[in-house]
Amino acid sequence: MQGYFAVGTILLLITLVISRAILMRKLGIKAMRFGEMDKTDFLIPPFALLFFYLIFASALNWPKFGAELFYNDMAAWIGVALCILGLAFFFLSLTSFGKSFRVGIDEDQPGA
């Protein structure tokens, strides 16, 4: 049960970022600046995809590598609470950033 919350959190997080970037593009602001300044940014996605796969594999019983060291039901529910808290903080940060939200570093319009 708790794994489904983790999958939902990851999907909601990605949806929030992409929808925010689309909304900003409609306002004429290029929010996705990933990999434009430094090409080493492209070293990040393989590790992020591995992280996503590990979350999905754990929740959906897909094949996974390694061994489960321990399982504690209370710790899993604390993780669910932290996921929800993290989503709330991320949503609040999106609203507080306003038009300054970027994915990557924007040297052309740093304060816009």
N, C-alpha and C. Protein backbone atom coordinates (compact mmCIF):
# COMPACT_ATOMS: atom_id res chain seq x y z
N MET A 1 0.82 -1.20 0.00
CA MET A 1 0.00 0.00 0.00
C MET A 1 0.86 1.26 0.00
N GLN A 2 1.90 1.27 0.84
CA GLN A 2 2.73 2.46 0.94
C GLN A 2 3.51 2.72 -0.35
N GLY A 3 3.84 1.66 -1.07
CA GLY A 3 4.57 1.82 -2.33
C GLY A 3 3.77 2.59 -3.36
N TYR A 4 2.45 2.39 -3.33
CA TYR A 4 1.61 3.13 -4.28
C TYR A 4 1.63 4.63 -4.00
N PHE A 5 1.76 5.00 -2.75
CA PHE A 5 1.91 6.42 -2.41
C PHE A 5 3.21 6.97 -2.98
N ALA A 6 4.27 6.18 -2.94
CA ALA A 6 5.56 6.61 -3.49
C ALA A 6 5.45 6.79 -5.00
N VAL A 7 4.81 5.85 -5.68
CA VAL A 7 4.62 5.96 -7.13
C VAL A 7 3.76 7.18 -7.45
N GLY A 8 2.69 7.36 -6.72
CA GLY A 8 1.83 8.53 -6.94
C GLY A 8 2.56 9.83 -6.70
N THR A 9 3.42 9.86 -5.68
CA THR A 9 4.19 11.07 -5.39
C THR A 9 5.13 11.41 -6.53
N ILE A 10 5.85 10.41 -7.04
CA ILE A 10 6.78 10.65 -8.15
C ILE A 10 6.02 11.14 -9.38
N LEU A 11 4.91 10.49 -9.70
CA LEU A 11 4.13 10.89 -10.87
C LEU A 11 3.56 12.30 -10.70
N LEU A 12 3.08 12.62 -9.51
CA LEU A 12 2.54 13.96 -9.26
C LEU A 12 3.64 15.02 -9.34
N LEU A 13 4.82 14.70 -8.83
CA LEU A 13 5.94 15.63 -8.88
C LEU A 13 6.33 15.94 -10.32
N ILE A 14 6.44 14.91 -11.14
CA ILE A 14 6.78 15.10 -12.56
C ILE A 14 5.68 15.89 -13.26
N THR A 15 4.43 15.57 -12.96
CA THR A 15 3.30 16.28 -13.56
C THR A 15 3.30 17.75 -13.18
N LEU A 16 3.60 18.06 -11.93
CA LEU A 16 3.65 19.46 -11.49
C LEU A 16 4.74 20.23 -12.23
N VAL A 17 5.91 19.63 -12.38
CA VAL A 17 7.02 20.32 -13.06
C VAL A 17 6.68 20.54 -14.53
N ILE A 18 6.19 19.51 -15.21
CA ILE A 18 5.89 19.64 -16.63
C ILE A 18 4.74 20.61 -16.87
N SER A 19 3.70 20.53 -16.05
CA SER A 19 2.57 21.46 -16.24
C SER A 19 2.99 22.90 -15.98
N ARG A 20 3.85 23.10 -14.99
CA ARG A 20 4.34 24.47 -14.70
C ARG A 20 5.18 24.99 -15.87
N ALA A 21 6.01 24.12 -16.45
CA ALA A 21 6.82 24.53 -17.60
C ALA A 21 5.94 24.87 -18.80
N ILE A 22 4.88 24.10 -19.00
CA ILE A 22 3.96 24.38 -20.11
C ILE A 22 3.23 25.70 -19.88
N LEU A 23 2.76 25.94 -18.67
CA LEU A 23 2.09 27.20 -18.37
C LEU A 23 3.01 28.39 -18.57
N MET A 24 4.27 28.24 -18.19
CA MET A 24 5.21 29.35 -18.35
C MET A 24 5.56 29.57 -19.82
N ARG A 25 5.60 28.48 -20.60
CA ARG A 25 5.87 28.62 -22.03
C ARG A 25 4.75 29.41 -22.70
N LYS A 26 3.51 29.22 -22.24
CA LYS A 26 2.39 29.99 -22.79
C LYS A 26 2.52 31.47 -22.47
N LEU A 27 3.21 31.80 -21.38
CA LEU A 27 3.46 33.20 -21.03
C LEU A 27 4.70 33.76 -21.72
N GLY A 28 5.37 32.93 -22.52
CA GLY A 28 6.55 33.37 -23.24
C GLY A 28 7.85 33.20 -22.48
N ILE A 29 7.83 32.43 -21.40
CA ILE A 29 9.03 32.20 -20.59
C ILE A 29 9.50 30.78 -20.83
N LYS A 30 10.77 30.63 -21.18
CA LYS A 30 11.32 29.30 -21.41
C LYS A 30 11.82 28.76 -20.07
N ALA A 31 11.03 27.87 -19.47
CA ALA A 31 11.34 27.37 -18.12
C ALA A 31 12.26 26.16 -18.14
N MET A 32 12.27 25.39 -19.22
CA MET A 32 13.13 24.20 -19.28
C MET A 32 14.48 24.59 -19.87
N ARG A 33 15.44 24.82 -19.02
CA ARG A 33 16.79 25.22 -19.43
C ARG A 33 17.79 24.11 -19.18
N PHE A 34 17.33 22.89 -19.07
CA PHE A 34 18.16 21.76 -18.70
C PHE A 34 19.16 21.44 -19.81
N GLY A 35 20.44 21.42 -19.48
CA GLY A 35 21.48 21.02 -20.41
C GLY A 35 21.92 22.08 -21.40
N GLU A 36 21.41 23.28 -21.32
CA GLU A 36 21.80 24.32 -22.27
C GLU A 36 23.14 24.94 -21.90
N MET A 37 23.40 25.11 -20.62
CA MET A 37 24.64 25.75 -20.19
C MET A 37 25.76 24.73 -20.01
N ASP A 38 25.45 23.63 -19.39
CA ASP A 38 26.46 22.63 -19.07
C ASP A 38 25.98 21.27 -19.54
N LYS A 39 26.70 20.66 -20.45
CA LYS A 39 26.29 19.37 -21.01
C LYS A 39 26.42 18.22 -20.03
N THR A 40 27.11 18.44 -18.90
CA THR A 40 27.21 17.37 -17.91
C THR A 40 25.88 17.17 -17.18
N ASP A 41 24.91 18.05 -17.42
CA ASP A 41 23.57 17.84 -16.86
C ASP A 41 22.97 16.53 -17.36
N PHE A 42 23.43 16.08 -18.52
CA PHE A 42 22.88 14.86 -19.10
C PHE A 42 23.41 13.60 -18.42
N LEU A 43 24.27 13.75 -17.42
CA LEU A 43 24.68 12.61 -16.61
C LEU A 43 23.63 12.28 -15.55
N ILE A 44 22.75 13.20 -15.27
CA ILE A 44 21.73 13.02 -14.22
C ILE A 44 20.60 12.07 -14.63
N PRO A 45 20.03 12.17 -15.85
CA PRO A 45 18.85 11.35 -16.17
C PRO A 45 19.02 9.83 -16.01
N PRO A 46 20.16 9.21 -16.36
CA PRO A 46 20.23 7.77 -16.13
C PRO A 46 20.06 7.38 -14.66
N PHE A 47 20.62 8.17 -13.77
CA PHE A 47 20.48 7.87 -12.34
C PHE A 47 19.06 8.15 -11.86
N ALA A 48 18.43 9.18 -12.41
CA ALA A 48 17.04 9.47 -12.05
C ALA A 48 16.12 8.35 -12.55
N LEU A 49 16.37 7.86 -13.76
CA LEU A 49 15.56 6.76 -14.28
C LEU A 49 15.76 5.49 -13.45
N LEU A 50 16.98 5.23 -13.00
CA LEU A 50 17.22 4.09 -12.12
C LEU A 50 16.46 4.26 -10.81
N PHE A 51 16.47 5.45 -10.27
CA PHE A 51 15.73 5.74 -9.03
C PHE A 51 14.24 5.51 -9.24
N PHE A 52 13.70 6.01 -10.37
CA PHE A 52 12.28 5.82 -10.66
C PHE A 52 11.97 4.33 -10.80
N TYR A 53 12.84 3.59 -11.49
CA TYR A 53 12.60 2.16 -11.67
C TYR A 53 12.59 1.44 -10.32
N LEU A 54 13.50 1.80 -9.43
CA LEU A 54 13.53 1.16 -8.12
C LEU A 54 12.24 1.41 -7.34
N ILE A 55 11.70 2.61 -7.45
CA ILE A 55 10.44 2.92 -6.76
C ILE A 55 9.30 2.12 -7.37
N PHE A 56 9.22 2.11 -8.71
CA PHE A 56 8.15 1.37 -9.37
C PHE A 56 8.29 -0.14 -9.14
N ALA A 57 9.51 -0.65 -9.18
CA ALA A 57 9.74 -2.08 -8.98
C ALA A 57 9.35 -2.52 -7.58
N SER A 58 9.64 -1.70 -6.62
CA SER A 58 9.29 -2.03 -5.24
C SER A 58 7.78 -2.02 -5.03
N ALA A 59 7.09 -1.06 -5.63
CA ALA A 59 5.65 -0.92 -5.42
C ALA A 59 4.85 -1.92 -6.25
N LEU A 60 5.31 -2.22 -7.45
CA LEU A 60 4.52 -3.02 -8.38
C LEU A 60 5.05 -4.44 -8.55
N ASN A 61 5.97 -4.85 -7.69
CA ASN A 61 6.56 -6.20 -7.71
C ASN A 61 7.21 -6.55 -9.05
N TRP A 62 7.90 -5.58 -9.63
CA TRP A 62 8.70 -5.84 -10.82
C TRP A 62 10.01 -6.45 -10.37
N PRO A 63 10.77 -7.03 -11.32
CA PRO A 63 12.09 -7.57 -10.93
C PRO A 63 12.99 -6.46 -10.42
N LYS A 64 13.68 -6.74 -9.34
CA LYS A 64 14.59 -5.74 -8.77
C LYS A 64 15.88 -6.43 -8.36
N PHE A 65 16.92 -5.66 -8.30
CA PHE A 65 18.22 -6.20 -7.92
C PHE A 65 18.52 -5.82 -6.48
N GLY A 66 19.36 -6.59 -5.86
CA GLY A 66 19.68 -6.35 -4.45
C GLY A 66 18.72 -7.11 -3.56
N ALA A 67 18.85 -6.89 -2.28
CA ALA A 67 18.01 -7.58 -1.30
C ALA A 67 17.37 -6.55 -0.38
N GLU A 68 16.18 -6.88 0.09
CA GLU A 68 15.51 -6.01 1.05
C GLU A 68 16.15 -6.25 2.41
N LEU A 69 16.74 -5.22 2.98
CA LEU A 69 17.46 -5.38 4.23
C LEU A 69 16.53 -5.53 5.42
N PHE A 70 15.49 -4.72 5.47
CA PHE A 70 14.50 -4.83 6.54
C PHE A 70 13.21 -4.18 6.08
N TYR A 71 12.14 -4.51 6.77
CA TYR A 71 10.86 -3.87 6.49
C TYR A 71 10.19 -3.56 7.82
N ASN A 72 9.77 -2.33 7.95
CA ASN A 72 9.07 -1.89 9.14
C ASN A 72 7.84 -1.12 8.68
N ASP A 73 6.67 -1.60 9.09
CA ASP A 73 5.42 -0.99 8.64
C ASP A 73 5.30 0.46 9.12
N MET A 74 5.73 0.72 10.33
CA MET A 74 5.65 2.09 10.86
C MET A 74 6.56 3.04 10.08
N ALA A 75 7.76 2.58 9.75
CA ALA A 75 8.68 3.40 8.96
C ALA A 75 8.11 3.67 7.57
N ALA A 76 7.40 2.69 7.01
CA ALA A 76 6.79 2.88 5.69
C ALA A 76 5.71 3.96 5.75
N TRP A 77 4.91 3.99 6.81
CA TRP A 77 3.88 5.02 6.93
C TRP A 77 4.49 6.39 7.22
N ILE A 78 5.59 6.41 7.92
CA ILE A 78 6.31 7.68 8.11
C ILE A 78 6.81 8.18 6.76
N GLY A 79 7.27 7.26 5.91
CA GLY A 79 7.69 7.63 4.56
C GLY A 79 6.54 8.20 3.74
N VAL A 80 5.35 7.63 3.89
CA VAL A 80 4.17 8.16 3.20
C VAL A 80 3.89 9.59 3.66
N ALA A 81 3.95 9.80 4.97
CA ALA A 81 3.71 11.15 5.50
C ALA A 81 4.76 12.13 4.97
N LEU A 82 6.01 11.69 4.88
CA LEU A 82 7.07 12.56 4.36
C LEU A 82 6.87 12.84 2.87
N CYS A 83 6.37 11.86 2.12
CA CYS A 83 6.07 12.08 0.70
C CYS A 83 4.99 13.15 0.54
N ILE A 84 3.94 13.05 1.33
CA ILE A 84 2.86 14.03 1.26
C ILE A 84 3.36 15.41 1.68
N LEU A 85 4.17 15.45 2.73
CA LEU A 85 4.74 16.72 3.18
C LEU A 85 5.66 17.31 2.11
N GLY A 86 6.45 16.47 1.46
CA GLY A 86 7.32 16.94 0.39
C GLY A 86 6.54 17.50 -0.78
N LEU A 87 5.45 16.83 -1.15
CA LEU A 87 4.60 17.35 -2.23
C LEU A 87 4.00 18.70 -1.86
N ALA A 88 3.58 18.83 -0.62
CA ALA A 88 3.01 20.11 -0.18
C ALA A 88 4.05 21.22 -0.25
N PHE A 89 5.27 20.94 0.23
CA PHE A 89 6.33 21.95 0.16
C PHE A 89 6.69 22.28 -1.28
N PHE A 90 6.71 21.27 -2.16
CA PHE A 90 7.03 21.53 -3.56
C PHE A 90 5.96 22.40 -4.20
N PHE A 91 4.69 22.12 -3.92
CA PHE A 91 3.61 22.93 -4.46
C PHE A 91 3.69 24.37 -3.95
N LEU A 92 3.99 24.53 -2.66
CA LEU A 92 4.14 25.87 -2.10
C LEU A 92 5.32 26.61 -2.73
N SER A 93 6.40 25.89 -3.00
CA SER A 93 7.56 26.54 -3.63
C SER A 93 7.24 26.93 -5.06
N LEU A 94 6.46 26.12 -5.78
CA LEU A 94 6.06 26.49 -7.14
C LEU A 94 5.25 27.77 -7.13
N THR A 95 4.34 27.88 -6.18
CA THR A 95 3.52 29.09 -6.13
C THR A 95 4.32 30.30 -5.67
N SER A 96 5.27 30.10 -4.77
CA SER A 96 6.04 31.25 -4.29
C SER A 96 7.09 31.71 -5.30
N PHE A 97 7.59 30.80 -6.14
CA PHE A 97 8.55 31.20 -7.17
C PHE A 97 7.89 32.07 -8.22
N GLY A 98 6.63 31.84 -8.49
CA GLY A 98 5.94 32.64 -9.49
C GLY A 98 6.53 32.43 -10.87
N LYS A 99 6.95 33.53 -11.50
CA LYS A 99 7.52 33.44 -12.85
C LYS A 99 9.01 33.15 -12.84
N SER A 100 9.60 32.94 -11.68
CA SER A 100 11.04 32.67 -11.59
C SER A 100 11.37 31.19 -11.64
N PHE A 101 10.38 30.32 -11.74
CA PHE A 101 10.63 28.88 -11.75
C PHE A 101 11.37 28.47 -13.01
N ARG A 102 12.46 27.71 -12.86
CA ARG A 102 13.23 27.18 -13.99
C ARG A 102 13.69 25.76 -13.67
N VAL A 103 13.86 24.96 -14.73
CA VAL A 103 14.53 23.67 -14.61
C VAL A 103 15.86 23.86 -15.31
N GLY A 104 16.93 24.03 -14.56
CA GLY A 104 18.24 24.36 -15.09
C GLY A 104 18.59 25.79 -14.72
N ILE A 105 19.72 26.25 -15.21
CA ILE A 105 20.20 27.59 -14.87
C ILE A 105 19.93 28.51 -16.05
N ASP A 106 19.27 29.62 -15.78
CA ASP A 106 18.92 30.59 -16.82
C ASP A 106 19.83 31.80 -16.67
N GLU A 107 20.81 31.91 -17.57
CA GLU A 107 21.71 33.06 -17.53
C GLU A 107 21.17 34.24 -18.33
N ASP A 108 20.22 33.99 -19.25
CA ASP A 108 19.69 35.06 -20.07
C ASP A 108 18.78 35.99 -19.27
N GLN A 109 17.88 35.40 -18.48
CA GLN A 109 16.94 36.18 -17.67
C GLN A 109 16.95 35.62 -16.25
N PRO A 110 17.98 35.86 -15.46
CA PRO A 110 18.09 35.22 -14.15
C PRO A 110 17.02 35.64 -13.15
N GLY A 111 16.51 36.83 -13.22
CA GLY A 111 15.53 37.28 -12.24
C GLY A 111 14.11 37.27 -12.76
N ALA A 112 13.93 36.94 -14.03
CA ALA A 112 12.59 37.01 -14.64
C ALA A 112 11.72 35.87 -14.21
